Amino acid sequence: MTMHKAHLALLALPVAIVSAAVSTAAPVGKPLPKASAPAKTDWNATVTRTPQGTHVLGNPAAKVRLTEFVSYTCSHCAQFDEEADGALRANFVAPGKATVEVRHFIRDPVDLTVALLTNCGTPAKFFANHTAFMRAQAKWIGPLNQPSAAQAARWSSGTFAQRIKVIARDFGFYPMMARRGYTVQQVDKCLADEALANRLVADTDLAQRTLRVTGTPSFAIDGAVLVGTHNWSLLRPQLDARLRTGG
C-alpha cells in the first residue's frame, strides 16, 4: 500500500489500583467472608499522556508498545483506522498486552487543524476525537482536494488563529465538535493553541530526521520503526511475533 508523504512546505507556521480493605477477623465458628474479586480494568478506557504530549491507549505495563504515525488528511490512515482499530482494541489493548500511541505527522494546514481539535479537552477524550475524524474523513475532506480560489486565499492569509478558524469553518469542523459536546468557545480556544501547533510541526520534522519516517501511516514497535510496513495486514503478524518472543 502506498503511504502518504508529508508536505511541510504547505505550512505557514512559526493504574491507579483501588484496594478494598477486607477484615481477616471473624466471629469464632463462622467462615471468613470471601474477598471481592478485583474489578477488571478496562484498558480501552485507559489513556495516559506522555511527557512529550502524545496519547497512549492501554495498560502502561503492557508487553508491547505500538506507535502509529498518522495524518488526518491521509486516506490510507483512515483506511488503516477502519480496518485495524477494532482488532487492536479487542485483541491487544483490552487484555493489556499492548499499548497504542498516536503521533501526529503533519502534512498540511488542514491536517494541523484536525490535530488541534483531536487534542481538545482532557486526555480521556483524545482517542474518541481521533476516531471520529478518521471515520468521517471522506465526508469532510472534499474542499482540500478541490479548493476554490477564495478558500485557498482564506487559508493562507491573516494571523495563525484566523487561518485555522477559517479552515475549521470551511470544512464543517465546528458542527462536528458540537456533536461531541464542545462549545464554540472551547473549539476556538483549542484552535488558537499556536504553541501546540508549533510542537506538532516540530515533532513531525524530528520524526523525519531522526526516525526516518517519510510518510503515513507508519509504525514502530517498542521504539523501532518498521520498514516497509504501512497497513494492517503487514503490521499484525509483527505484533503477534513480538508478543510470542517476549519483546
C-alpha atoms as a PDB file:
ATOM      1  CA  MET A   1       0.000   0.000   0.000  1.00  0.00           C
ATOM      2  CA  THR A   2       1.313   3.447  -0.830  1.00  0.00           C
ATOM      3  CA  MET A   3       1.868   5.721   2.111  1.00  0.00           C
ATOM      4  CA  HIS A   4       1.169   9.427   2.094  1.00  0.00           C
ATOM      5  CA  LYS A   5       4.188  11.709   2.293  1.00  0.00           C
ATOM      6  CA  ALA A   6       4.325  14.936   4.213  1.00  0.00           C
ATOM      7  CA  HIS A   7       4.314  18.329   2.548  1.00  0.00           C
ATOM      8  CA  LEU A   8       5.530  20.614   5.320  1.00  0.00           C
ATOM      9  CA  ALA A   9       6.221  23.376   2.829  1.00  0.00           C
ATOM     10  CA  LEU A  10       2.464  23.962   2.776  1.00  0.00           C
ATOM     11  CA  LEU A  11       2.599  25.040   6.405  1.00  0.00           C
ATOM     12  CA  ALA A  12       2.934  28.735   7.089  1.00  0.00           C
ATOM     13  CA  LEU A  13       3.542  28.436  10.827  1.00  0.00           C
ATOM     14  CA  PRO A  14       6.038  29.864  13.077  1.00  0.00           C
ATOM     15  CA  VAL A  15      -3.218   2.072  37.088  1.00  0.00           C
ATOM     16  CA  ALA A  16      -4.473   3.556  39.572  1.00  0.00           C
ATOM     17  CA  ILE A  17      -5.024   0.489  41.851  1.00  0.00           C
ATOM     18  CA  VAL A  18      -8.077   0.632  44.090  1.00  0.00           C
ATOM     19  CA  SER A  19      -7.813  -1.745  47.041  1.00  0.00           C
ATOM     20  CA  ALA A  20     -10.639  -2.587  49.409  1.00  0.00           C
ATOM     21  CA  ALA A  21      -9.717  -3.478  52.984  1.00  0.00           C
ATOM     22  CA  VAL A  22     -11.085  -6.891  53.904  1.00  0.00           C
ATOM     23  CA  SER A  23     -11.115  -7.753  57.600  1.00  0.00           C
ATOM     24  CA  THR A  24      -9.394 -11.015  58.487  1.00  0.00           C
ATOM     25  CA  ALA A  25     -11.118 -11.176  61.861  1.00  0.00           C
ATOM     26  CA  ALA A  26     -14.456 -13.015  62.165  1.00  0.00           C
ATOM     27  CA  PRO A  27     -16.572 -14.445  64.968  1.00  0.00           C
ATOM     28  CA  VAL A  28     -15.417 -17.883  66.132  1.00  0.00           C
ATOM     29  CA  GLY A  29     -17.120 -20.696  64.290  1.00  0.00           C
ATOM     30  CA  LYS A  30     -18.083 -18.571  61.296  1.00  0.00           C
ATOM     31  CA  PRO A  31     -16.243 -18.693  57.972  1.00  0.00           C
ATOM     32  CA  LEU A  32     -14.221 -15.734  56.873  1.00  0.00           C
ATOM     33  CA  PRO A  33     -16.023 -13.536  54.350  1.00  0.00           C
ATOM     34  CA  LYS A  34     -14.881 -14.043  50.766  1.00  0.00           C
ATOM     35  CA  ALA A  35     -12.798 -11.238  49.360  1.00  0.00           C
ATOM     36  CA  SER A  36     -14.420  -9.494  46.422  1.00  0.00           C
ATOM     37  CA  ALA A  37     -12.794 -10.178  43.085  1.00  0.00           C
ATOM     38  CA  PRO A  38     -10.843  -7.160  41.903  1.00  0.00           C
ATOM     39  CA  ALA A  39     -12.620  -5.125  39.264  1.00  0.00           C
ATOM     40  CA  LYS A  40     -11.309  -5.843  35.789  1.00  0.00           C
ATOM     41  CA  THR A  41      -9.562  -2.837  34.331  1.00  0.00           C
ATOM     42  CA  ASP A  42     -10.974  -1.514  31.088  1.00  0.00           C
ATOM     43  CA  TRP A  43      -7.717  -0.886  29.262  1.00  0.00           C
ATOM     44  CA  ASN A  44      -9.614   0.538  26.283  1.00  0.00           C
ATOM     45  CA  ALA A  45     -10.691   3.364  28.566  1.00  0.00           C
ATOM     46  CA  THR A  46      -7.217   3.949  29.994  1.00  0.00           C
ATOM     47  CA  VAL A  47      -5.470   6.894  28.371  1.00  0.00           C
ATOM     48  CA  THR A  48      -2.193   8.378  29.526  1.00  0.00           C
ATOM     49  CA  ARG A  49      -0.375  11.403  28.219  1.00  0.00           C
ATOM     50  CA  THR A  50       3.368  11.163  27.718  1.00  0.00           C
ATOM     51  CA  PRO A  51       5.820  13.887  28.759  1.00  0.00           C
ATOM     52  CA  GLN A  52       6.086  14.696  25.039  1.00  0.00           C
ATOM     53  CA  GLY A  53       2.337  15.360  24.895  1.00  0.00           C
ATOM     54  CA  THR A  54       1.290  12.299  22.880  1.00  0.00           C
ATOM     55  CA  HIS A  55      -1.555   9.990  23.947  1.00  0.00           C
ATOM     56  CA  VAL A  56      -1.258   6.295  24.794  1.00  0.00           C
ATOM     57  CA  LEU A  57      -4.168   3.861  24.989  1.00  0.00           C
ATOM     58  CA  GLY A  58      -3.978   0.801  27.215  1.00  0.00           C
ATOM     59  CA  ASN A  59      -2.070  -0.826  30.049  1.00  0.00           C
ATOM     60  CA  PRO A  60       1.033   1.249  30.910  1.00  0.00           C
ATOM     61  CA  ALA A  61       2.793  -2.012  31.856  1.00  0.00           C
ATOM     62  CA  ALA A  62       1.893  -3.762  28.591  1.00  0.00           C
ATOM     63  CA  LYS A  63       4.429  -6.075  27.000  1.00  0.00           C
ATOM     64  CA  VAL A  64       4.403  -4.342  23.612  1.00  0.00           C
ATOM     65  CA  ARG A  65       4.264  -0.653  22.657  1.00  0.00           C
ATOM     66  CA  LEU A  66       2.851   0.212  19.237  1.00  0.00           C
ATOM     67  CA  THR A  67       3.334   3.718  17.877  1.00  0.00           C
ATOM     68  CA  GLU A  68       1.285   4.985  14.943  1.00  0.00           C
ATOM     69  CA  PHE A  69       2.481   7.937  12.854  1.00  0.00           C
ATOM     70  CA  VAL A  70      -0.689   9.258  11.228  1.00  0.00           C
ATOM     71  CA  SER A  71      -2.121  12.187   9.316  1.00  0.00           C
ATOM     72  CA  TYR A  72      -5.782  13.159   9.262  1.00  0.00           C
ATOM     73  CA  THR A  73      -5.696  14.059   5.551  1.00  0.00           C
ATOM     74  CA  CYS A  74      -4.123  10.715   4.605  1.00  0.00           C
ATOM     75  CA  SER A  75      -6.678   8.362   3.039  1.00  0.00           C
ATOM     76  CA  HIS A  76      -4.560   5.313   3.875  1.00  0.00           C
ATOM     77  CA  CYS A  77      -4.545   6.353   7.531  1.00  0.00           C
ATOM     78  CA  ALA A  78      -8.338   6.457   7.537  1.00  0.00           C
ATOM     79  CA  GLN A  79      -8.415   3.042   5.868  1.00  0.00           C
ATOM     80  CA  PHE A  80      -5.993   1.645   8.446  1.00  0.00           C
ATOM     81  CA  ASP A  81      -8.099   3.006  11.307  1.00  0.00           C
ATOM     82  CA  GLU A  82     -11.226   1.373   9.914  1.00  0.00           C
ATOM     83  CA  GLU A  83      -9.500  -1.972   9.360  1.00  0.00           C
ATOM     84  CA  ALA A  84      -7.338  -2.164  12.462  1.00  0.00           C
ATOM     85  CA  ASP A  85      -8.916  -0.222  15.315  1.00  0.00           C
ATOM     86  CA  GLY A  86     -11.407  -2.905  16.363  1.00  0.00           C
ATOM     87  CA  ALA A  87      -8.868  -5.718  16.175  1.00  0.00           C
ATOM     88  CA  LEU A  88      -6.218  -3.721  18.027  1.00  0.00           C
ATOM     89  CA  ARG A  89      -8.603  -2.854  20.827  1.00  0.00           C
ATOM     90  CA  ALA A  90     -10.111  -6.338  21.176  1.00  0.00           C
ATOM     91  CA  ASN A  91      -7.023  -8.498  20.788  1.00  0.00           C
ATOM     92  CA  PHE A  92      -4.145  -6.371  22.024  1.00  0.00           C
ATOM     93  CA  VAL A  93      -5.311  -3.414  24.144  1.00  0.00           C
ATOM     94  CA  ALA A  94      -8.254  -4.958  26.056  1.00  0.00           C
ATOM     95  CA  PRO A  95      -6.258  -7.877  27.519  1.00  0.00           C
ATOM     96  CA  GLY A  96      -3.468  -5.489  28.499  1.00  0.00           C
ATOM     97  CA  LYS A  97      -0.939  -6.970  26.072  1.00  0.00           C
ATOM     98  CA  ALA A  98      -0.150  -3.823  24.098  1.00  0.00           C
ATOM     99  CA  THR A  99      -0.499  -0.078  24.149  1.00  0.00           C
ATOM    100  CA  VAL A 100      -1.213   2.158  21.159  1.00  0.00           C
ATOM    101  CA  GLU A 101       0.380   5.590  20.937  1.00  0.00           C
ATOM    102  CA  VAL A 102      -0.702   8.101  18.287  1.00  0.00           C
ATOM    103  CA  ARG A 103       1.881  10.545  16.966  1.00  0.00           C
ATOM    104  CA  HIS A 104       0.778  13.286  14.608  1.00  0.00           C
ATOM    105  CA  PHE A 105       2.647  13.559  11.315  1.00  0.00           C
ATOM    106  CA  ILE A 106       1.525  16.919   9.957  1.00  0.00           C
ATOM    107  CA  ARG A 107       1.204  17.102   6.166  1.00  0.00           C
ATOM    108  CA  ASP A 108      -0.759  20.310   5.545  1.00  0.00           C
ATOM    109  CA  PRO A 109      -2.728  23.070   7.333  1.00  0.00           C
ATOM    110  CA  VAL A 110      -5.980  21.075   7.304  1.00  0.00           C
ATOM    111  CA  ASP A 111      -4.249  18.128   8.939  1.00  0.00           C
ATOM    112  CA  LEU A 112      -2.885  20.512  11.565  1.00  0.00           C
ATOM    113  CA  THR A 113      -6.358  21.949  12.215  1.00  0.00           C
ATOM    114  CA  VAL A 114      -7.792  18.489  12.866  1.00  0.00           C
ATOM    115  CA  ALA A 115      -4.839  17.565  15.087  1.00  0.00           C
ATOM    116  CA  LEU A 116      -5.532  20.613  17.256  1.00  0.00           C
ATOM    117  CA  LEU A 117      -9.169  19.538  17.562  1.00  0.00           C
ATOM    118  CA  THR A 118      -8.400  15.929  18.465  1.00  0.00           C
ATOM    119  CA  ASN A 119      -6.225  17.269  21.289  1.00  0.00           C
ATOM    120  CA  CYS A 120      -9.054  19.492  22.528  1.00  0.00           C
ATOM    121  CA  GLY A 121     -10.123  18.619  26.069  1.00  0.00           C
ATOM    122  CA  THR A 122      -8.811  16.135  28.596  1.00  0.00           C
ATOM    123  CA  PRO A 123      -6.563  13.206  27.573  1.00  0.00           C
ATOM    124  CA  ALA A 124      -9.520  10.852  28.089  1.00  0.00           C
ATOM    125  CA  LYS A 125     -11.262  12.468  25.101  1.00  0.00           C
ATOM    126  CA  PHE A 126      -8.411  12.132  22.648  1.00  0.00           C
ATOM    127  CA  PHE A 127      -8.993   8.686  21.155  1.00  0.00           C
ATOM    128  CA  ALA A 128     -12.734   9.270  20.695  1.00  0.00           C
ATOM    129  CA  ASN A 129     -11.955  12.556  18.910  1.00  0.00           C
ATOM    130  CA  HIS A 130      -9.279  10.835  16.838  1.00  0.00           C
ATOM    131  CA  THR A 131     -11.622   8.056  15.711  1.00  0.00           C
ATOM    132  CA  ALA A 132     -14.454  10.482  14.945  1.00  0.00           C
ATOM    133  CA  PHE A 133     -12.339  12.486  12.497  1.00  0.00           C
ATOM    134  CA  MET A 134     -10.745   9.431  10.910  1.00  0.00           C
ATOM    135  CA  ARG A 135     -14.055   7.647  10.318  1.00  0.00           C
ATOM    136  CA  ALA A 136     -15.676  10.779   8.853  1.00  0.00           C
ATOM    137  CA  GLN A 137     -12.710  11.757   6.658  1.00  0.00           C
ATOM    138  CA  ALA A 138     -14.464  11.005   3.367  1.00  0.00           C
ATOM    139  CA  LYS A 139     -17.307  13.350   4.361  1.00  0.00           C
ATOM    140  CA  TRP A 140     -15.222  16.406   5.252  1.00  0.00           C
ATOM    141  CA  ILE A 141     -12.082  16.215   3.107  1.00  0.00           C
ATOM    142  CA  GLY A 142     -13.649  17.434  -0.168  1.00  0.00           C
ATOM    143  CA  PRO A 143     -12.547  21.092  -0.029  1.00  0.00           C
ATOM    144  CA  LEU A 144      -8.906  20.036   0.352  1.00  0.00           C
ATOM    145  CA  ASN A 145      -8.975  18.139  -2.935  1.00  0.00           C
ATOM    146  CA  GLN A 146     -10.683  20.903  -4.914  1.00  0.00           C
ATOM    147  CA  PRO A 147     -10.406  24.218  -3.052  1.00  0.00           C
ATOM    148  CA  SER A 148     -11.804  27.335  -4.648  1.00  0.00           C
ATOM    149  CA  ALA A 149      -9.522  30.315  -5.191  1.00  0.00           C
ATOM    150  CA  ALA A 150     -11.311  32.143  -2.381  1.00  0.00           C
ATOM    151  CA  GLN A 151     -10.815  29.231   0.014  1.00  0.00           C
ATOM    152  CA  ALA A 152      -7.130  28.902  -0.805  1.00  0.00           C
ATOM    153  CA  ALA A 153      -6.686  32.614  -0.184  1.00  0.00           C
ATOM    154  CA  ARG A 154      -8.524  32.463   3.161  1.00  0.00           C
ATOM    155  CA  TRP A 155      -6.424  29.542   4.348  1.00  0.00           C
ATOM    156  CA  SER A 156      -3.149  31.404   3.775  1.00  0.00           C
ATOM    157  CA  SER A 157      -3.870  34.944   4.952  1.00  0.00           C
ATOM    158  CA  GLY A 158      -4.278  36.554   8.358  1.00  0.00           C
ATOM    159  CA  THR A 159      -2.970  35.505  11.743  1.00  0.00           C
ATOM    160  CA  PHE A 160      -2.445  31.886  12.714  1.00  0.00           C
ATOM    161  CA  ALA A 161      -5.697  31.760  14.687  1.00  0.00           C
ATOM    162  CA  GLN A 162      -7.642  33.418  11.853  1.00  0.00           C
ATOM    163  CA  ARG A 163      -6.360  30.941   9.260  1.00  0.00           C
ATOM    164  CA  ILE A 164      -7.032  27.889  11.385  1.00  0.00           C
ATOM    165  CA  LYS A 165     -10.545  29.025  12.329  1.00  0.00           C
ATOM    166  CA  VAL A 166     -11.393  29.679   8.682  1.00  0.00           C
ATOM    167  CA  ILE A 167     -10.269  26.160   7.791  1.00  0.00           C
ATOM    168  CA  ALA A 168     -12.407  24.759  10.611  1.00  0.00           C
ATOM    169  CA  ARG A 169     -15.444  26.631   9.293  1.00  0.00           C
ATOM    170  CA  ASP A 170     -14.883  25.703   5.640  1.00  0.00           C
ATOM    171  CA  PHE A 171     -14.556  22.012   6.471  1.00  0.00           C
ATOM    172  CA  GLY A 172     -17.531  21.860   8.858  1.00  0.00           C
ATOM    173  CA  PHE A 173     -15.474  21.105  11.941  1.00  0.00           C
ATOM    174  CA  TYR A 174     -17.492  23.318  14.283  1.00  0.00           C
ATOM    175  CA  PRO A 175     -20.682  21.215  13.894  1.00  0.00           C
ATOM    176  CA  MET A 176     -18.621  18.027  14.269  1.00  0.00           C
ATOM    177  CA  MET A 177     -17.200  19.255  17.548  1.00  0.00           C
ATOM    178  CA  ALA A 178     -20.612  20.474  18.716  1.00  0.00           C
ATOM    179  CA  ARG A 179     -21.944  16.947  18.278  1.00  0.00           C
ATOM    180  CA  ARG A 180     -19.109  15.810  20.518  1.00  0.00           C
ATOM    181  CA  GLY A 181     -20.189  18.231  23.243  1.00  0.00           C
ATOM    182  CA  TYR A 182     -17.827  21.147  22.625  1.00  0.00           C
ATOM    183  CA  THR A 183     -18.920  24.776  22.625  1.00  0.00           C
ATOM    184  CA  VAL A 184     -17.765  27.285  20.018  1.00  0.00           C
ATOM    185  CA  GLN A 185     -15.681  28.985  22.689  1.00  0.00           C
ATOM    186  CA  GLN A 186     -13.942  25.731  23.592  1.00  0.00           C
ATOM    187  CA  VAL A 187     -13.213  24.967  19.946  1.00  0.00           C
ATOM    188  CA  ASP A 188     -11.866  28.464  19.318  1.00  0.00           C
ATOM    189  CA  LYS A 189      -9.532  28.167  22.298  1.00  0.00           C
ATOM    190  CA  CYS A 190      -8.144  24.853  21.047  1.00  0.00           C
ATOM    191  CA  LEU A 191      -7.701  26.171  17.507  1.00  0.00           C
ATOM    192  CA  ALA A 192      -5.762  29.172  18.810  1.00  0.00           C
ATOM    193  CA  ASP A 193      -3.156  26.988  20.546  1.00  0.00           C
ATOM    194  CA  GLU A 194      -0.200  28.081  18.422  1.00  0.00           C
ATOM    195  CA  ALA A 195       2.299  26.586  20.865  1.00  0.00           C
ATOM    196  CA  LEU A 196       0.787  23.137  20.360  1.00  0.00           C
ATOM    197  CA  ALA A 197       0.701  23.683  16.591  1.00  0.00           C
ATOM    198  CA  ASN A 198       4.397  24.533  16.546  1.00  0.00           C
ATOM    199  CA  ARG A 199       5.205  21.480  18.652  1.00  0.00           C
ATOM    200  CA  LEU A 200       3.269  19.172  16.327  1.00  0.00           C
ATOM    201  CA  VAL A 201       5.132  20.513  13.302  1.00  0.00           C
ATOM    202  CA  ALA A 202       8.458  20.212  15.145  1.00  0.00           C
ATOM    203  CA  ASP A 203       7.614  16.625  16.162  1.00  0.00           C
ATOM    204  CA  THR A 204       6.922  15.802  12.520  1.00  0.00           C
ATOM    205  CA  ASP A 205      10.258  17.236  11.469  1.00  0.00           C
ATOM    206  CA  LEU A 206      12.008  15.292  14.239  1.00  0.00           C
ATOM    207  CA  ALA A 207      10.345  12.036  13.168  1.00  0.00           C
ATOM    208  CA  GLN A 208      11.558  12.624   9.622  1.00  0.00           C
ATOM    209  CA  ARG A 209      15.127  13.469  10.609  1.00  0.00           C
ATOM    210  CA  THR A 210      15.801  11.040  13.455  1.00  0.00           C
ATOM    211  CA  LEU A 211      13.434   8.117  12.867  1.00  0.00           C
ATOM    212  CA  ARG A 212      13.399   8.317   9.063  1.00  0.00           C
ATOM    213  CA  VAL A 213       9.615   8.360   8.966  1.00  0.00           C
ATOM    214  CA  THR A 214       8.766   9.641   5.487  1.00  0.00           C
ATOM    215  CA  GLY A 215       5.026   9.093   5.181  1.00  0.00           C
ATOM    216  CA  THR A 216       1.831   7.838   6.731  1.00  0.00           C
ATOM    217  CA  PRO A 217       0.710   5.561   8.108  1.00  0.00           C
ATOM    218  CA  SER A 218       3.996   4.340   9.561  1.00  0.00           C
ATOM    219  CA  PHE A 219       4.553   2.287  12.684  1.00  0.00           C
ATOM    220  CA  ALA A 220       7.065   1.498  15.398  1.00  0.00           C
ATOM    221  CA  ILE A 221       7.095  -1.404  17.840  1.00  0.00           C
ATOM    222  CA  ASP A 222       8.883  -0.748  21.109  1.00  0.00           C
ATOM    223  CA  GLY A 223      10.532   2.296  19.548  1.00  0.00           C
ATOM    224  CA  ALA A 224      11.847   0.598  16.401  1.00  0.00           C
ATOM    225  CA  VAL A 225      10.309   1.915  13.179  1.00  0.00           C
ATOM    226  CA  LEU A 226       9.031  -0.864  10.914  1.00  0.00           C
ATOM    227  CA  VAL A 227      10.463  -0.536   7.422  1.00  0.00           C
ATOM    228  CA  GLY A 228       8.017  -1.187   4.598  1.00  0.00           C
ATOM    229  CA  THR A 229       5.033  -1.615   6.935  1.00  0.00           C
ATOM    230  CA  HIS A 230       2.140   0.695   6.128  1.00  0.00           C
ATOM    231  CA  ASN A 231      -1.023  -1.390   6.561  1.00  0.00           C
ATOM    232  CA  TRP A 232      -2.733  -3.750   8.991  1.00  0.00           C
ATOM    233  CA  SER A 233      -2.042  -6.960   7.043  1.00  0.00           C
ATOM    234  CA  LEU A 234       1.706  -6.375   7.417  1.00  0.00           C
ATOM    235  CA  LEU A 235       1.589  -4.915  10.917  1.00  0.00           C
ATOM    236  CA  ARG A 236      -0.445  -7.579  12.720  1.00  0.00           C
ATOM    237  CA  PRO A 237       1.967 -10.506  12.176  1.00  0.00           C
ATOM    238  CA  GLN A 238       4.777  -8.403  13.612  1.00  0.00           C
ATOM    239  CA  LEU A 239       2.719  -7.568  16.707  1.00  0.00           C
ATOM    240  CA  ASP A 240       1.880 -11.254  17.178  1.00  0.00           C
ATOM    241  CA  ALA A 241       5.533 -12.213  16.757  1.00  0.00           C
ATOM    242  CA  ARG A 242       6.692  -9.654  19.316  1.00  0.00           C
ATOM    243  CA  LEU A 243       4.180 -10.962  21.863  1.00  0.00           C
ATOM    244  CA  ARG A 244       5.336 -14.536  21.279  1.00  0.00           C
ATOM    245  CA  THR A 245       9.017 -13.728  21.645  1.00  0.00           C
ATOM    246  CA  GLY A 246       8.553 -11.518  24.669  1.00  0.00           C
ATOM    247  CA  GLY A 247       9.824  -8.345  23.022  1.00  0.00           C
END
